[in-house]
mmCIF file of all heavy atoms, coordinates in Angstrom:
data_MODEL
# 
_entry.id   MODEL 
# 
loop_
_atom_site.group_PDB 
_atom_site.id 
_atom_site.type_symbol 
_atom_site.label_atom_id 
_atom_site.label_alt_id 
_atom_site.label_comp_id 
_atom_site.label_asym_id 
_atom_site.label_entity_id 
_atom_site.label_seq_id 
_atom_site.pdbx_PDB_ins_code 
_atom_site.Cartn_x 
_atom_site.Cartn_y 
_atom_site.Cartn_z 
_atom_site.occupancy 
_atom_site.B_iso_or_equiv 
_atom_site.pdbx_formal_charge 
_atom_site.auth_seq_id 
_atom_site.auth_comp_id 
_atom_site.auth_asym_id 
_atom_site.auth_atom_id 
_atom_site.pdbx_PDB_model_num 
ATOM 1   N N   . TRP A 1 1  ? 100.291 101.162 114.806 1.00 0.00 ? 1  TRP A N   1 
ATOM 2   C CA  . TRP A 1 1  ? 101.753 101.217 114.922 1.00 0.00 ? 1  TRP A CA  1 
ATOM 3   C C   . TRP A 1 1  ? 102.158 101.997 116.169 1.00 0.00 ? 1  TRP A C   1 
ATOM 4   O O   . TRP A 1 1  ? 103.023 101.575 116.923 1.00 0.00 ? 1  TRP A O   1 
ATOM 5   C CB  . TRP A 1 1  ? 102.348 101.866 113.681 1.00 0.00 ? 1  TRP A CB  1 
ATOM 6   C CG  . TRP A 1 1  ? 103.837 101.732 113.614 1.00 0.00 ? 1  TRP A CG  1 
ATOM 7   C CD1 . TRP A 1 1  ? 104.542 100.770 112.983 1.00 0.00 ? 1  TRP A CD1 1 
ATOM 8   C CD2 . TRP A 1 1  ? 104.804 102.598 114.237 1.00 0.00 ? 1  TRP A CD2 1 
ATOM 9   N NE1 . TRP A 1 1  ? 105.890 100.966 113.165 1.00 0.00 ? 1  TRP A NE1 1 
ATOM 10  C CE2 . TRP A 1 1  ? 106.075 102.080 113.924 1.00 0.00 ? 1  TRP A CE2 1 
ATOM 11  C CE3 . TRP A 1 1  ? 104.717 103.741 115.019 1.00 0.00 ? 1  TRP A CE3 1 
ATOM 12  C CZ2 . TRP A 1 1  ? 107.255 102.670 114.362 1.00 0.00 ? 1  TRP A CZ2 1 
ATOM 13  C CZ3 . TRP A 1 1  ? 105.891 104.334 115.480 1.00 0.00 ? 1  TRP A CZ3 1 
ATOM 14  C CH2 . TRP A 1 1  ? 107.138 103.800 115.142 1.00 0.00 ? 1  TRP A CH2 1 
ATOM 15  N N   . TYR A 1 2  ? 101.550 103.174 116.373 1.00 0.00 ? 2  TYR A N   1 
ATOM 16  C CA  . TYR A 1 2  ? 101.875 103.977 117.552 1.00 0.00 ? 2  TYR A CA  1 
ATOM 17  C C   . TYR A 1 2  ? 101.491 103.238 118.838 1.00 0.00 ? 2  TYR A C   1 
ATOM 18  O O   . TYR A 1 2  ? 102.218 103.306 119.841 1.00 0.00 ? 2  TYR A O   1 
ATOM 19  C CB  . TYR A 1 2  ? 101.159 105.325 117.494 1.00 0.00 ? 2  TYR A CB  1 
ATOM 20  C CG  . TYR A 1 2  ? 101.778 106.313 116.530 1.00 0.00 ? 2  TYR A CG  1 
ATOM 21  C CD1 . TYR A 1 2  ? 101.086 106.739 115.400 1.00 0.00 ? 2  TYR A CD1 1 
ATOM 22  C CD2 . TYR A 1 2  ? 103.053 106.824 116.751 1.00 0.00 ? 2  TYR A CD2 1 
ATOM 23  C CE1 . TYR A 1 2  ? 101.648 107.657 114.513 1.00 0.00 ? 2  TYR A CE1 1 
ATOM 24  C CE2 . TYR A 1 2  ? 103.628 107.733 115.868 1.00 0.00 ? 2  TYR A CE2 1 
ATOM 25  C CZ  . TYR A 1 2  ? 102.918 108.143 114.752 1.00 0.00 ? 2  TYR A CZ  1 
ATOM 26  O OH  . TYR A 1 2  ? 103.480 109.047 113.865 1.00 0.00 ? 2  TYR A OH  1 
ATOM 27  N N   . ALA A 1 3  ? 100.374 102.535 118.831 1.00 0.00 ? 3  ALA A N   1 
ATOM 28  C CA  . ALA A 1 3  ? 99.929  101.800 120.013 1.00 0.00 ? 3  ALA A CA  1 
ATOM 29  C C   . ALA A 1 3  ? 100.881 100.663 120.358 1.00 0.00 ? 3  ALA A C   1 
ATOM 30  O O   . ALA A 1 3  ? 100.996 100.271 121.527 1.00 0.00 ? 3  ALA A O   1 
ATOM 31  C CB  . ALA A 1 3  ? 98.520  101.255 119.801 1.00 0.00 ? 3  ALA A CB  1 
ATOM 32  N N   . ALA A 1 4  ? 101.570 100.121 119.359 1.00 0.00 ? 4  ALA A N   1 
ATOM 33  C CA  . ALA A 1 4  ? 102.536 99.054  119.607 1.00 0.00 ? 4  ALA A CA  1 
ATOM 34  C C   . ALA A 1 4  ? 103.813 99.572  120.238 1.00 0.00 ? 4  ALA A C   1 
ATOM 35  O O   . ALA A 1 4  ? 104.535 98.832  120.905 1.00 0.00 ? 4  ALA A O   1 
ATOM 36  C CB  . ALA A 1 4  ? 102.867 98.332  118.300 1.00 0.00 ? 4  ALA A CB  1 
ATOM 37  N N   . GLY A 1 5  ? 104.110 100.846 120.050 1.00 0.00 ? 5  GLY A N   1 
ATOM 38  C CA  . GLY A 1 5  ? 105.343 101.421 120.573 1.00 0.00 ? 5  GLY A CA  1 
ATOM 39  C C   . GLY A 1 5  ? 105.184 102.277 121.803 1.00 0.00 ? 5  GLY A C   1 
ATOM 40  O O   . GLY A 1 5  ? 106.149 102.495 122.542 1.00 0.00 ? 5  GLY A O   1 
ATOM 41  N N   . PHE A 1 6  ? 103.967 102.803 122.030 1.00 0.00 ? 6  PHE A N   1 
ATOM 42  C CA  . PHE A 1 6  ? 103.727 103.690 123.165 1.00 0.00 ? 6  PHE A CA  1 
ATOM 43  C C   . PHE A 1 6  ? 102.603 103.130 124.026 1.00 0.00 ? 6  PHE A C   1 
ATOM 44  O O   . PHE A 1 6  ? 101.600 102.615 123.503 1.00 0.00 ? 6  PHE A O   1 
ATOM 45  C CB  . PHE A 1 6  ? 103.367 105.100 122.697 1.00 0.00 ? 6  PHE A CB  1 
ATOM 46  C CG  . PHE A 1 6  ? 104.475 105.819 121.987 1.00 0.00 ? 6  PHE A CG  1 
ATOM 47  C CD1 . PHE A 1 6  ? 104.573 105.770 120.602 1.00 0.00 ? 6  PHE A CD1 1 
ATOM 48  C CD2 . PHE A 1 6  ? 105.431 106.528 122.693 1.00 0.00 ? 6  PHE A CD2 1 
ATOM 49  C CE1 . PHE A 1 6  ? 105.602 106.427 119.934 1.00 0.00 ? 6  PHE A CE1 1 
ATOM 50  C CE2 . PHE A 1 6  ? 106.457 107.191 122.045 1.00 0.00 ? 6  PHE A CE2 1 
ATOM 51  C CZ  . PHE A 1 6  ? 106.546 107.133 120.653 1.00 0.00 ? 6  PHE A CZ  1 
ATOM 52  N N   . SER A 1 7  ? 102.758 103.258 125.333 1.00 0.00 ? 7  SER A N   1 
ATOM 53  C CA  . SER A 1 7  ? 101.734 102.803 126.269 1.00 0.00 ? 7  SER A CA  1 
ATOM 54  C C   . SER A 1 7  ? 101.051 103.956 126.979 1.00 0.00 ? 7  SER A C   1 
ATOM 55  O O   . SER A 1 7  ? 100.018 103.750 127.631 1.00 0.00 ? 7  SER A O   1 
ATOM 56  C CB  . SER A 1 7  ? 102.339 101.843 127.297 1.00 0.00 ? 7  SER A CB  1 
ATOM 57  O OG  . SER A 1 7  ? 103.368 102.481 128.029 1.00 0.00 ? 7  SER A OG  1 
ATOM 58  N N   . ASP A 1 8  ? 101.603 105.169 126.902 1.00 0.00 ? 8  ASP A N   1 
ATOM 59  C CA  . ASP A 1 8  ? 101.015 106.335 127.545 1.00 0.00 ? 8  ASP A CA  1 
ATOM 60  C C   . ASP A 1 8  ? 99.737  106.724 126.797 1.00 0.00 ? 8  ASP A C   1 
ATOM 61  O O   . ASP A 1 8  ? 99.777  107.127 125.639 1.00 0.00 ? 8  ASP A O   1 
ATOM 62  C CB  . ASP A 1 8  ? 102.002 107.505 127.556 1.00 0.00 ? 8  ASP A CB  1 
ATOM 63  C CG  . ASP A 1 8  ? 101.559 108.630 128.490 1.00 0.00 ? 8  ASP A CG  1 
ATOM 64  O OD1 . ASP A 1 8  ? 100.387 109.047 128.424 1.00 0.00 ? 8  ASP A OD1 1 
ATOM 65  O OD2 . ASP A 1 8  ? 102.396 109.108 129.287 1.00 0.00 ? 8  ASP A OD2 1 
ATOM 66  N N   . ASP A 1 9  ? 98.617  106.626 127.477 1.00 0.00 ? 9  ASP A N   1 
ATOM 67  C CA  . ASP A 1 9  ? 97.325  106.882 126.849 1.00 0.00 ? 9  ASP A CA  1 
ATOM 68  C C   . ASP A 1 9  ? 97.177  108.329 126.379 1.00 0.00 ? 9  ASP A C   1 
ATOM 69  O O   . ASP A 1 9  ? 96.493  108.593 125.384 1.00 0.00 ? 9  ASP A O   1 
ATOM 70  C CB  . ASP A 1 9  ? 96.185  106.544 127.814 1.00 0.00 ? 9  ASP A CB  1 
ATOM 71  C CG  . ASP A 1 9  ? 96.089  105.050 128.077 1.00 0.00 ? 9  ASP A CG  1 
ATOM 72  O OD1 . ASP A 1 9  ? 96.487  104.258 127.193 1.00 0.00 ? 9  ASP A OD1 1 
ATOM 73  O OD2 . ASP A 1 9  ? 95.623  104.666 129.172 1.00 0.00 ? 9  ASP A OD2 1 
ATOM 74  N N   . LEU A 1 10 ? 97.807  109.269 127.088 1.00 0.00 ? 10 LEU A N   1 
ATOM 75  C CA  . LEU A 1 10 ? 97.685  110.666 126.702 1.00 0.00 ? 10 LEU A CA  1 
ATOM 76  C C   . LEU A 1 10 ? 98.410  110.945 125.380 1.00 0.00 ? 10 LEU A C   1 
ATOM 77  O O   . LEU A 1 10 ? 97.933  111.733 124.562 1.00 0.00 ? 10 LEU A O   1 
ATOM 78  C CB  . LEU A 1 10 ? 98.233  111.571 127.814 1.00 0.00 ? 10 LEU A CB  1 
ATOM 79  C CG  . LEU A 1 10 ? 97.436  111.575 129.121 1.00 0.00 ? 10 LEU A CG  1 
ATOM 80  C CD1 . LEU A 1 10 ? 98.112  112.459 130.169 1.00 0.00 ? 10 LEU A CD1 1 
ATOM 81  C CD2 . LEU A 1 10 ? 96.000  112.073 128.871 1.00 0.00 ? 10 LEU A CD2 1 
ATOM 82  N N   . ILE A 1 11 ? 99.552  110.302 125.170 1.00 0.00 ? 11 ILE A N   1 
ATOM 83  C CA  . ILE A 1 11 ? 100.261 110.431 123.898 1.00 0.00 ? 11 ILE A CA  1 
ATOM 84  C C   . ILE A 1 11 ? 99.419  109.854 122.764 1.00 0.00 ? 11 ILE A C   1 
ATOM 85  O O   . ILE A 1 11 ? 99.240  110.484 121.718 1.00 0.00 ? 11 ILE A O   1 
ATOM 86  C CB  . ILE A 1 11 ? 101.637 109.728 123.958 1.00 0.00 ? 11 ILE A CB  1 
ATOM 87  C CG1 . ILE A 1 11 ? 102.565 110.458 124.919 1.00 0.00 ? 11 ILE A CG1 1 
ATOM 88  C CG2 . ILE A 1 11 ? 102.272 109.665 122.568 1.00 0.00 ? 11 ILE A CG2 1 
ATOM 89  C CD1 . ILE A 1 11 ? 103.916 109.769 125.103 1.00 0.00 ? 11 ILE A CD1 1 
ATOM 90  N N   . LEU A 1 12 ? 98.883  108.647 122.981 1.00 0.00 ? 12 LEU A N   1 
ATOM 91  C CA  . LEU A 1 12 ? 98.073  107.998 121.955 1.00 0.00 ? 12 LEU A CA  1 
ATOM 92  C C   . LEU A 1 12 ? 96.798  108.784 121.671 1.00 0.00 ? 12 LEU A C   1 
ATOM 93  O O   . LEU A 1 12 ? 96.370  108.889 120.523 1.00 0.00 ? 12 LEU A O   1 
ATOM 94  C CB  . LEU A 1 12 ? 97.728  106.571 122.398 1.00 0.00 ? 12 LEU A CB  1 
ATOM 95  C CG  . LEU A 1 12 ? 98.926  105.616 122.578 1.00 0.00 ? 12 LEU A CG  1 
ATOM 96  C CD1 . LEU A 1 12 ? 98.448  104.284 123.133 1.00 0.00 ? 12 LEU A CD1 1 
ATOM 97  C CD2 . LEU A 1 12 ? 99.647  105.411 121.251 1.00 0.00 ? 12 LEU A CD2 1 
ATOM 98  N N   . LEU A 1 13 ? 96.206  109.352 122.718 1.00 0.00 ? 13 LEU A N   1 
ATOM 99  C CA  . LEU A 1 13 ? 94.984  110.143 122.549 1.00 0.00 ? 13 LEU A CA  1 
ATOM 100 C C   . LEU A 1 13 ? 95.254  111.389 121.711 1.00 0.00 ? 13 LEU A C   1 
ATOM 101 O O   . LEU A 1 13 ? 94.453  111.749 120.844 1.00 0.00 ? 13 LEU A O   1 
ATOM 102 C CB  . LEU A 1 13 ? 94.425  110.526 123.915 1.00 0.00 ? 13 LEU A CB  1 
ATOM 103 C CG  . LEU A 1 13 ? 93.067  111.255 123.926 1.00 0.00 ? 13 LEU A CG  1 
ATOM 104 C CD1 . LEU A 1 13 ? 91.971  110.332 123.373 1.00 0.00 ? 13 LEU A CD1 1 
ATOM 105 C CD2 . LEU A 1 13 ? 92.709  111.708 125.348 1.00 0.00 ? 13 LEU A CD2 1 
ATOM 106 N N   . LEU A 1 14 ? 96.383  112.055 121.952 1.00 0.00 ? 14 LEU A N   1 
ATOM 107 C CA  . LEU A 1 14 ? 96.743  113.248 121.191 1.00 0.00 ? 14 LEU A CA  1 
ATOM 108 C C   . LEU A 1 14 ? 96.979  112.908 119.718 1.00 0.00 ? 14 LEU A C   1 
ATOM 109 O O   . LEU A 1 14 ? 96.501  113.619 118.826 1.00 0.00 ? 14 LEU A O   1 
ATOM 110 C CB  . LEU A 1 14 ? 97.991  113.895 121.792 1.00 0.00 ? 14 LEU A CB  1 
ATOM 111 C CG  . LEU A 1 14 ? 98.540  115.126 121.053 1.00 0.00 ? 14 LEU A CG  1 
ATOM 112 C CD1 . LEU A 1 14 ? 97.511  116.244 121.042 1.00 0.00 ? 14 LEU A CD1 1 
ATOM 113 C CD2 . LEU A 1 14 ? 99.842  115.606 121.694 1.00 0.00 ? 14 LEU A CD2 1 
ATOM 114 N N   . ILE A 1 15 ? 97.694  111.821 119.452 1.00 0.00 ? 15 ILE A N   1 
ATOM 115 C CA  . ILE A 1 15 ? 97.967  111.410 118.070 1.00 0.00 ? 15 ILE A CA  1 
ATOM 116 C C   . ILE A 1 15 ? 96.672  111.084 117.338 1.00 0.00 ? 15 ILE A C   1 
ATOM 117 O O   . ILE A 1 15 ? 96.457  111.500 116.196 1.00 0.00 ? 15 ILE A O   1 
ATOM 118 C CB  . ILE A 1 15 ? 98.936  110.211 118.052 1.00 0.00 ? 15 ILE A CB  1 
ATOM 119 C CG1 . ILE A 1 15 ? 100.315 110.645 118.543 1.00 0.00 ? 15 ILE A CG1 1 
ATOM 120 C CG2 . ILE A 1 15 ? 99.037  109.613 116.653 1.00 0.00 ? 15 ILE A CG2 1 
ATOM 121 C CD1 . ILE A 1 15 ? 101.293 109.503 118.747 1.00 0.00 ? 15 ILE A CD1 1 
ATOM 122 N N   . ARG A 1 16 ? 95.783  110.350 118.002 1.00 0.00 ? 16 ARG A N   1 
ATOM 123 C CA  . ARG A 1 16 ? 94.506  110.002 117.381 1.00 0.00 ? 16 ARG A CA  1 
ATOM 124 C C   . ARG A 1 16 ? 93.631  111.231 117.159 1.00 0.00 ? 16 ARG A C   1 
ATOM 125 O O   . ARG A 1 16 ? 92.899  111.304 116.162 1.00 0.00 ? 16 ARG A O   1 
ATOM 126 C CB  . ARG A 1 16 ? 93.769  108.979 118.260 1.00 0.00 ? 16 ARG A CB  1 
ATOM 127 C CG  . ARG A 1 16 ? 94.412  107.592 118.242 1.00 0.00 ? 16 ARG A CG  1 
ATOM 128 C CD  . ARG A 1 16 ? 93.852  106.702 119.325 1.00 0.00 ? 16 ARG A CD  1 
ATOM 129 N NE  . ARG A 1 16 ? 94.518  105.405 119.354 1.00 0.00 ? 16 ARG A NE  1 
ATOM 130 C CZ  . ARG A 1 16 ? 94.438  104.541 120.349 1.00 0.00 ? 16 ARG A CZ  1 
ATOM 131 N NH1 . ARG A 1 16 ? 93.704  104.843 121.425 1.00 0.00 ? 16 ARG A NH1 1 
ATOM 132 N NH2 . ARG A 1 16 ? 95.073  103.378 120.294 1.00 0.00 ? 16 ARG A NH2 1 
ATOM 133 N N   . HIS A 1 17 ? 93.699  112.176 118.084 1.00 0.00 ? 17 HIS A N   1 
ATOM 134 C CA  . HIS A 1 17 ? 92.946  113.427 117.928 1.00 0.00 ? 17 HIS A CA  1 
ATOM 135 C C   . HIS A 1 17 ? 93.401  114.193 116.692 1.00 0.00 ? 17 HIS A C   1 
ATOM 136 O O   . HIS A 1 17 ? 92.576  114.707 115.932 1.00 0.00 ? 17 HIS A O   1 
ATOM 137 C CB  . HIS A 1 17 ? 93.101  114.284 119.176 1.00 0.00 ? 17 HIS A CB  1 
ATOM 138 C CG  . HIS A 1 17 ? 92.568  115.678 119.024 1.00 0.00 ? 17 HIS A CG  1 
ATOM 139 N ND1 . HIS A 1 17 ? 91.229  115.955 118.795 1.00 0.00 ? 17 HIS A ND1 1 
ATOM 140 C CD2 . HIS A 1 17 ? 93.210  116.890 119.036 1.00 0.00 ? 17 HIS A CD2 1 
ATOM 141 C CE1 . HIS A 1 17 ? 91.062  117.264 118.681 1.00 0.00 ? 17 HIS A CE1 1 
ATOM 142 N NE2 . HIS A 1 17 ? 92.256  117.856 118.834 1.00 0.00 ? 17 HIS A NE2 1 
ATOM 143 N N   . ILE A 1 18 ? 94.715  114.252 116.463 1.00 0.00 ? 18 ILE A N   1 
ATOM 144 C CA  . ILE A 1 18 ? 95.249  114.951 115.293 1.00 0.00 ? 18 ILE A CA  1 
ATOM 145 C C   . ILE A 1 18 ? 94.852  114.226 114.009 1.00 0.00 ? 18 ILE A C   1 
ATOM 146 O O   . ILE A 1 18 ? 94.459  114.846 113.020 1.00 0.00 ? 18 ILE A O   1 
ATOM 147 C CB  . ILE A 1 18 ? 96.785  115.090 115.396 1.00 0.00 ? 18 ILE A CB  1 
ATOM 148 C CG1 . ILE A 1 18 ? 97.159  115.939 116.622 1.00 0.00 ? 18 ILE A CG1 1 
ATOM 149 C CG2 . ILE A 1 18 ? 97.352  115.714 114.129 1.00 0.00 ? 18 ILE A CG2 1 
ATOM 150 C CD1 . ILE A 1 18 ? 98.649  115.975 116.919 1.00 0.00 ? 18 ILE A CD1 1 
ATOM 151 N N   . HIS A 1 19 ? 94.926  112.890 114.021 1.00 0.00 ? 19 HIS A N   1 
ATOM 152 C CA  . HIS A 1 19 ? 94.517  112.114 112.851 1.00 0.00 ? 19 HIS A CA  1 
ATOM 153 C C   . HIS A 1 19 ? 93.031  112.295 112.543 1.00 0.00 ? 19 HIS A C   1 
ATOM 154 O O   . HIS A 1 19 ? 92.619  112.357 111.376 1.00 0.00 ? 19 HIS A O   1 
ATOM 155 C CB  . HIS A 1 19 ? 94.809  110.629 113.067 1.00 0.00 ? 19 HIS A CB  1 
ATOM 156 C CG  . HIS A 1 19 ? 96.271  110.291 112.990 1.00 0.00 ? 19 HIS A CG  1 
ATOM 157 N ND1 . HIS A 1 19 ? 96.804  109.160 113.574 1.00 0.00 ? 19 HIS A ND1 1 
ATOM 158 C CD2 . HIS A 1 19 ? 97.314  110.929 112.387 1.00 0.00 ? 19 HIS A CD2 1 
ATOM 159 C CE1 . HIS A 1 19 ? 98.101  109.118 113.348 1.00 0.00 ? 19 HIS A CE1 1 
ATOM 160 N NE2 . HIS A 1 19 ? 98.446  110.187 112.638 1.00 0.00 ? 19 HIS A NE2 1 
ATOM 161 N N   . ALA A 1 20 ? 92.220  112.396 113.592 1.00 0.00 ? 20 ALA A N   1 
ATOM 162 C CA  . ALA A 1 20 ? 90.766  112.491 113.418 1.00 0.00 ? 20 ALA A CA  1 
ATOM 163 C C   . ALA A 1 20 ? 90.316  113.814 112.817 1.00 0.00 ? 20 ALA A C   1 
ATOM 164 O O   . ALA A 1 20 ? 89.149  113.942 112.415 1.00 0.00 ? 20 ALA A O   1 
ATOM 165 C CB  . ALA A 1 20 ? 90.066  112.270 114.761 1.00 0.00 ? 20 ALA A CB  1 
ATOM 166 N N   . THR A 1 21 ? 91.197  114.808 112.741 1.00 0.00 ? 21 THR A N   1 
ATOM 167 C CA  . THR A 1 21 ? 90.827  116.079 112.114 1.00 0.00 ? 21 THR A CA  1 
ATOM 168 C C   . THR A 1 21 ? 90.596  115.927 110.613 1.00 0.00 ? 21 THR A C   1 
ATOM 169 O O   . THR A 1 21 ? 90.021  116.805 109.987 1.00 0.00 ? 21 THR A O   1 
ATOM 170 C CB  . THR A 1 21 ? 91.918  117.139 112.356 1.00 0.00 ? 21 THR A CB  1 
ATOM 171 O OG1 . THR A 1 21 ? 93.177  116.662 111.860 1.00 0.00 ? 21 THR A OG1 1 
ATOM 172 C CG2 . THR A 1 21 ? 92.031  117.460 113.843 1.00 0.00 ? 21 THR A CG2 1 
ATOM 173 N N   . ILE A 1 22 ? 91.073  114.819 110.043 1.00 0.00 ? 22 ILE A N   1 
ATOM 174 C CA  . ILE A 1 22 ? 90.793  114.476 108.642 1.00 0.00 ? 22 ILE A CA  1 
ATOM 175 C C   . ILE A 1 22 ? 89.766  113.357 108.639 1.00 0.00 ? 22 ILE A C   1 
ATOM 176 O O   . ILE A 1 22 ? 90.062  112.226 109.048 1.00 0.00 ? 22 ILE A O   1 
ATOM 177 C CB  . ILE A 1 22 ? 92.073  114.043 107.892 1.00 0.00 ? 22 ILE A CB  1 
ATOM 178 C CG1 . ILE A 1 22 ? 93.128  115.146 107.941 1.00 0.00 ? 22 ILE A CG1 1 
ATOM 179 C CG2 . ILE A 1 22 ? 91.760  113.666 106.452 1.00 0.00 ? 22 ILE A CG2 1 
ATOM 180 C CD1 . ILE A 1 22 ? 92.718  116.429 107.277 1.00 0.00 ? 22 ILE A CD1 1 
ATOM 181 N N   . PRO A 1 23 ? 88.538  113.599 108.208 1.00 0.00 ? 23 PRO A N   1 
ATOM 182 C CA  . PRO A 1 23 ? 87.489  112.581 108.262 1.00 0.00 ? 23 PRO A CA  1 
ATOM 183 C C   . PRO A 1 23 ? 87.722  111.461 107.250 1.00 0.00 ? 23 PRO A C   1 
ATOM 184 O O   . PRO A 1 23 ? 88.451  111.620 106.277 1.00 0.00 ? 23 PRO A O   1 
ATOM 185 C CB  . PRO A 1 23 ? 86.220  113.376 107.927 1.00 0.00 ? 23 PRO A CB  1 
ATOM 186 C CG  . PRO A 1 23 ? 86.696  114.539 107.108 1.00 0.00 ? 23 PRO A CG  1 
ATOM 187 C CD  . PRO A 1 23 ? 88.059  114.879 107.638 1.00 0.00 ? 23 PRO A CD  1 
ATOM 188 N N   . GLY A 1 24 ? 87.100  110.321 107.506 1.00 0.00 ? 24 GLY A N   1 
ATOM 189 C CA  . GLY A 1 24 ? 87.167  109.206 106.564 1.00 0.00 ? 24 GLY A CA  1 
ATOM 190 C C   . GLY A 1 24 ? 88.159  108.125 106.938 1.00 0.00 ? 24 GLY A C   1 
ATOM 191 O O   . GLY A 1 24 ? 88.158  107.046 106.342 1.00 0.00 ? 24 GLY A O   1 
# 
């Protein structure tokens, strides 16, 4: 969903980094 709305890779990288703190 975020990738469909944002194209800035640094924003997407930060969001994915925060999500990845929860494994699984």
